Amino acid sequence: MGITEVAVEVSNPRDQTQWRKLDLIADTGAIFSIIPRITLEQLGIIPYAEETFHLADGSEIRRQMGDVFIRIDGKARTVPTIFGEPTDTPLLGVTALEILGYTVDPRTRKLEPTKMLLL
């Protein structure tokens, strides 16, 4: 499967007067999104937690997390996001995709709306 790049806009959920445009790689294997710390700090987003994450090579890293307002094609929601360090790849994780109601079509490598179910 190839890489799916998604154009998003991010903002502070508490102050949506400023937005930043970013291109993120949609990663359905990543639980959380990763947005560069510098971008989040410029928007005034404050971390509320620090978590340990396990990498593919077996090592562990600690990263801060905060809530970010993410908008894709006019649809916006607040999602938990990792404060990315300079060595981290900016990603759009599956939590954000699900909250926003999107999935990645593996054939076309494009975002597709997900049927929202209420069971």
C-alpha atoms as a PDB file:
ATOM      1  CA  MET A   1       0.000   0.000   0.000  1.00  0.00           C
ATOM      2  CA  GLY A   2       1.304   3.464  -0.864  1.00  0.00           C
ATOM      3  CA  ILE A   3       1.335   6.662   1.110  1.00  0.00           C
ATOM      4  CA  THR A   4      -1.811   8.743   1.441  1.00  0.00           C
ATOM      5  CA  GLU A   5      -1.115  12.405   2.069  1.00  0.00           C
ATOM      6  CA  VAL A   6      -3.982  14.466   3.459  1.00  0.00           C
ATOM      7  CA  ALA A   7      -4.311  18.255   3.494  1.00  0.00           C
ATOM      8  CA  VAL A   8      -5.654  19.306   6.893  1.00  0.00           C
ATOM      9  CA  GLU A   9      -6.133  22.485   8.858  1.00  0.00           C
ATOM     10  CA  VAL A  10      -5.490  22.580  12.605  1.00  0.00           C
ATOM     11  CA  SER A  11      -6.583  25.002  15.289  1.00  0.00           C
ATOM     12  CA  ASN A  12      -6.827  25.381  19.041  1.00  0.00           C
ATOM     13  CA  PRO A  13     -10.215  24.037  20.196  1.00  0.00           C
ATOM     14  CA  ARG A  14     -10.429  26.958  22.648  1.00  0.00           C
ATOM     15  CA  ASP A  15      -9.542  29.654  20.089  1.00  0.00           C
ATOM     16  CA  GLN A  16     -10.415  28.912  16.479  1.00  0.00           C
ATOM     17  CA  THR A  17      -9.329  32.315  15.158  1.00  0.00           C
ATOM     18  CA  GLN A  18      -6.000  30.917  13.922  1.00  0.00           C
ATOM     19  CA  TRP A  19      -5.574  27.944  11.592  1.00  0.00           C
ATOM     20  CA  ARG A  20      -2.486  26.235  10.174  1.00  0.00           C
ATOM     21  CA  LYS A  21      -2.474  24.182   6.977  1.00  0.00           C
ATOM     22  CA  LEU A  22      -0.492  20.937   7.047  1.00  0.00           C
ATOM     23  CA  ASP A  23       0.016  17.890   4.875  1.00  0.00           C
ATOM     24  CA  LEU A  24      -0.142  14.762   7.044  1.00  0.00           C
ATOM     25  CA  ILE A  25       0.419  11.132   6.104  1.00  0.00           C
ATOM     26  CA  ALA A  26      -2.703   9.068   6.831  1.00  0.00           C
ATOM     27  CA  ASP A  27      -1.523   6.084   8.878  1.00  0.00           C
ATOM     28  CA  THR A  28      -4.243   3.576   9.734  1.00  0.00           C
ATOM     29  CA  GLY A  29      -1.707   1.668  11.848  1.00  0.00           C
ATOM     30  CA  ALA A  30      -1.115   4.655  14.144  1.00  0.00           C
ATOM     31  CA  ILE A  31      -3.619   5.230  16.930  1.00  0.00           C
ATOM     32  CA  PHE A  32      -2.931   8.945  17.389  1.00  0.00           C
ATOM     33  CA  SER A  33      -2.046  11.788  15.048  1.00  0.00           C
ATOM     34  CA  ILE A  34       1.327  13.500  15.341  1.00  0.00           C
ATOM     35  CA  ILE A  35       1.572  17.234  14.714  1.00  0.00           C
ATOM     36  CA  PRO A  36       4.816  19.187  15.137  1.00  0.00           C
ATOM     37  CA  ARG A  37       5.166  20.676  18.615  1.00  0.00           C
ATOM     38  CA  ILE A  38       6.118  24.068  17.168  1.00  0.00           C
ATOM     39  CA  THR A  39       2.802  24.274  15.280  1.00  0.00           C
ATOM     40  CA  LEU A  40       0.778  23.334  18.351  1.00  0.00           C
ATOM     41  CA  GLU A  41       2.661  25.814  20.535  1.00  0.00           C
ATOM     42  CA  GLN A  42       2.116  28.601  17.988  1.00  0.00           C
ATOM     43  CA  LEU A  43      -1.625  27.887  18.244  1.00  0.00           C
ATOM     44  CA  GLY A  44      -1.478  28.046  22.047  1.00  0.00           C
ATOM     45  CA  ILE A  45      -2.342  24.378  22.542  1.00  0.00           C
ATOM     46  CA  ILE A  46      -1.186  23.111  25.927  1.00  0.00           C
ATOM     47  CA  PRO A  47      -0.406  19.432  26.556  1.00  0.00           C
ATOM     48  CA  TYR A  48      -2.536  17.685  29.185  1.00  0.00           C
ATOM     49  CA  ALA A  49      -0.747  14.326  29.410  1.00  0.00           C
ATOM     50  CA  GLU A  50       2.480  12.503  28.701  1.00  0.00           C
ATOM     51  CA  GLU A  51       2.429   8.912  27.452  1.00  0.00           C
ATOM     52  CA  THR A  52       4.917   6.175  26.620  1.00  0.00           C
ATOM     53  CA  PHE A  53       4.800   4.873  23.047  1.00  0.00           C
ATOM     54  CA  HIS A  54       6.419   1.719  21.657  1.00  0.00           C
ATOM     55  CA  LEU A  55       8.219   1.958  18.323  1.00  0.00           C
ATOM     56  CA  ALA A  56       8.523  -0.728  15.649  1.00  0.00           C
ATOM     57  CA  ASP A  57      12.120  -1.449  16.688  1.00  0.00           C
ATOM     58  CA  GLY A  58      10.979  -2.247  20.248  1.00  0.00           C
ATOM     59  CA  SER A  59      12.214   0.969  21.827  1.00  0.00           C
ATOM     60  CA  GLU A  60      10.058   3.326  23.876  1.00  0.00           C
ATOM     61  CA  ILE A  61       9.650   7.097  23.725  1.00  0.00           C
ATOM     62  CA  ARG A  62       7.683   9.597  25.813  1.00  0.00           C
ATOM     63  CA  ARG A  63       5.543  12.235  24.127  1.00  0.00           C
ATOM     64  CA  GLN A  64       3.130  14.867  25.347  1.00  0.00           C
ATOM     65  CA  MET A  65      -0.487  14.921  24.156  1.00  0.00           C
ATOM     66  CA  GLY A  66      -3.141  17.582  23.754  1.00  0.00           C
ATOM     67  CA  ASP A  67      -6.460  18.204  22.028  1.00  0.00           C
ATOM     68  CA  VAL A  68      -6.400  19.715  18.536  1.00  0.00           C
ATOM     69  CA  PHE A  69      -9.232  20.867  16.286  1.00  0.00           C
ATOM     70  CA  ILE A  70      -8.613  19.183  12.899  1.00  0.00           C
ATOM     71  CA  ARG A  71     -10.526  20.137   9.743  1.00  0.00           C
ATOM     72  CA  ILE A  72     -10.638  18.104   6.523  1.00  0.00           C
ATOM     73  CA  ASP A  73     -12.800  19.293   3.624  1.00  0.00           C
ATOM     74  CA  GLY A  74     -14.833  21.534   5.922  1.00  0.00           C
ATOM     75  CA  LYS A  75     -15.529  18.815   8.504  1.00  0.00           C
ATOM     76  CA  ALA A  76     -13.906  19.544  11.875  1.00  0.00           C
ATOM     77  CA  ARG A  77     -13.627  17.742  15.210  1.00  0.00           C
ATOM     78  CA  THR A  78     -11.467  17.832  18.326  1.00  0.00           C
ATOM     79  CA  VAL A  79      -9.016  14.929  18.462  1.00  0.00           C
ATOM     80  CA  PRO A  80      -6.287  13.801  20.882  1.00  0.00           C
ATOM     81  CA  THR A  81      -2.902  14.422  19.273  1.00  0.00           C
ATOM     82  CA  ILE A  82       0.765  13.784  20.019  1.00  0.00           C
ATOM     83  CA  PHE A  83       3.110  16.771  20.234  1.00  0.00           C
ATOM     84  CA  GLY A  84       5.649  15.746  17.597  1.00  0.00           C
ATOM     85  CA  GLU A  85       9.359  16.294  18.040  1.00  0.00           C
ATOM     86  CA  PRO A  86      11.637  17.202  15.075  1.00  0.00           C
ATOM     87  CA  THR A  87      12.442  13.523  14.424  1.00  0.00           C
ATOM     88  CA  ASP A  88       8.756  12.464  14.337  1.00  0.00           C
ATOM     89  CA  THR A  89       6.850  12.112  11.067  1.00  0.00           C
ATOM     90  CA  PRO A  90       3.633  14.174  11.040  1.00  0.00           C
ATOM     91  CA  LEU A  91       0.741  11.694  10.819  1.00  0.00           C
ATOM     92  CA  LEU A  92      -3.034  11.547  10.704  1.00  0.00           C
ATOM     93  CA  GLY A  93      -3.845   8.559  12.904  1.00  0.00           C
ATOM     94  CA  VAL A  94      -6.841   6.253  12.898  1.00  0.00           C
ATOM     95  CA  THR A  95      -8.442   7.950  15.922  1.00  0.00           C
ATOM     96  CA  ALA A  96      -8.700  11.241  14.017  1.00  0.00           C
ATOM     97  CA  LEU A  97      -9.885   9.465  10.887  1.00  0.00           C
ATOM     98  CA  GLU A  98     -12.637   7.674  12.790  1.00  0.00           C
ATOM     99  CA  ILE A  99     -13.718  10.765  14.751  1.00  0.00           C
ATOM    100  CA  LEU A 100     -13.923  12.753  11.512  1.00  0.00           C
ATOM    101  CA  GLY A 101     -15.747   9.918   9.724  1.00  0.00           C
ATOM    102  CA  TYR A 102     -13.143   8.933   7.135  1.00  0.00           C
ATOM    103  CA  THR A 103     -11.312   5.818   6.057  1.00  0.00           C
ATOM    104  CA  VAL A 104      -8.454   5.293   3.599  1.00  0.00           C
ATOM    105  CA  ASP A 105      -9.368   3.373   0.461  1.00  0.00           C
ATOM    106  CA  PRO A 106      -6.354   1.070  -0.102  1.00  0.00           C
ATOM    107  CA  ARG A 107      -6.976   0.880  -3.859  1.00  0.00           C
ATOM    108  CA  THR A 108      -7.185   4.603  -4.581  1.00  0.00           C
ATOM    109  CA  ARG A 109      -5.139   5.795  -1.560  1.00  0.00           C
ATOM    110  CA  LYS A 110      -7.738   8.521  -0.981  1.00  0.00           C
ATOM    111  CA  LEU A 111      -9.916   9.398   1.964  1.00  0.00           C
ATOM    112  CA  GLU A 112     -13.474   8.155   1.707  1.00  0.00           C
ATOM    113  CA  PRO A 113     -16.407   9.022   3.971  1.00  0.00           C
ATOM    114  CA  THR A 114     -17.310   6.294   6.437  1.00  0.00           C
ATOM    115  CA  LYS A 115     -20.909   5.349   6.961  1.00  0.00           C
ATOM    116  CA  MET A 116     -21.678   6.634  10.454  1.00  0.00           C
ATOM    117  CA  LEU A 117     -23.554   3.974  12.413  1.00  0.00           C
ATOM    118  CA  LEU A 118     -25.530   4.437  15.603  1.00  0.00           C
ATOM    119  CA  LEU A 119     -26.142   1.010  17.100  1.00  0.00           C
END
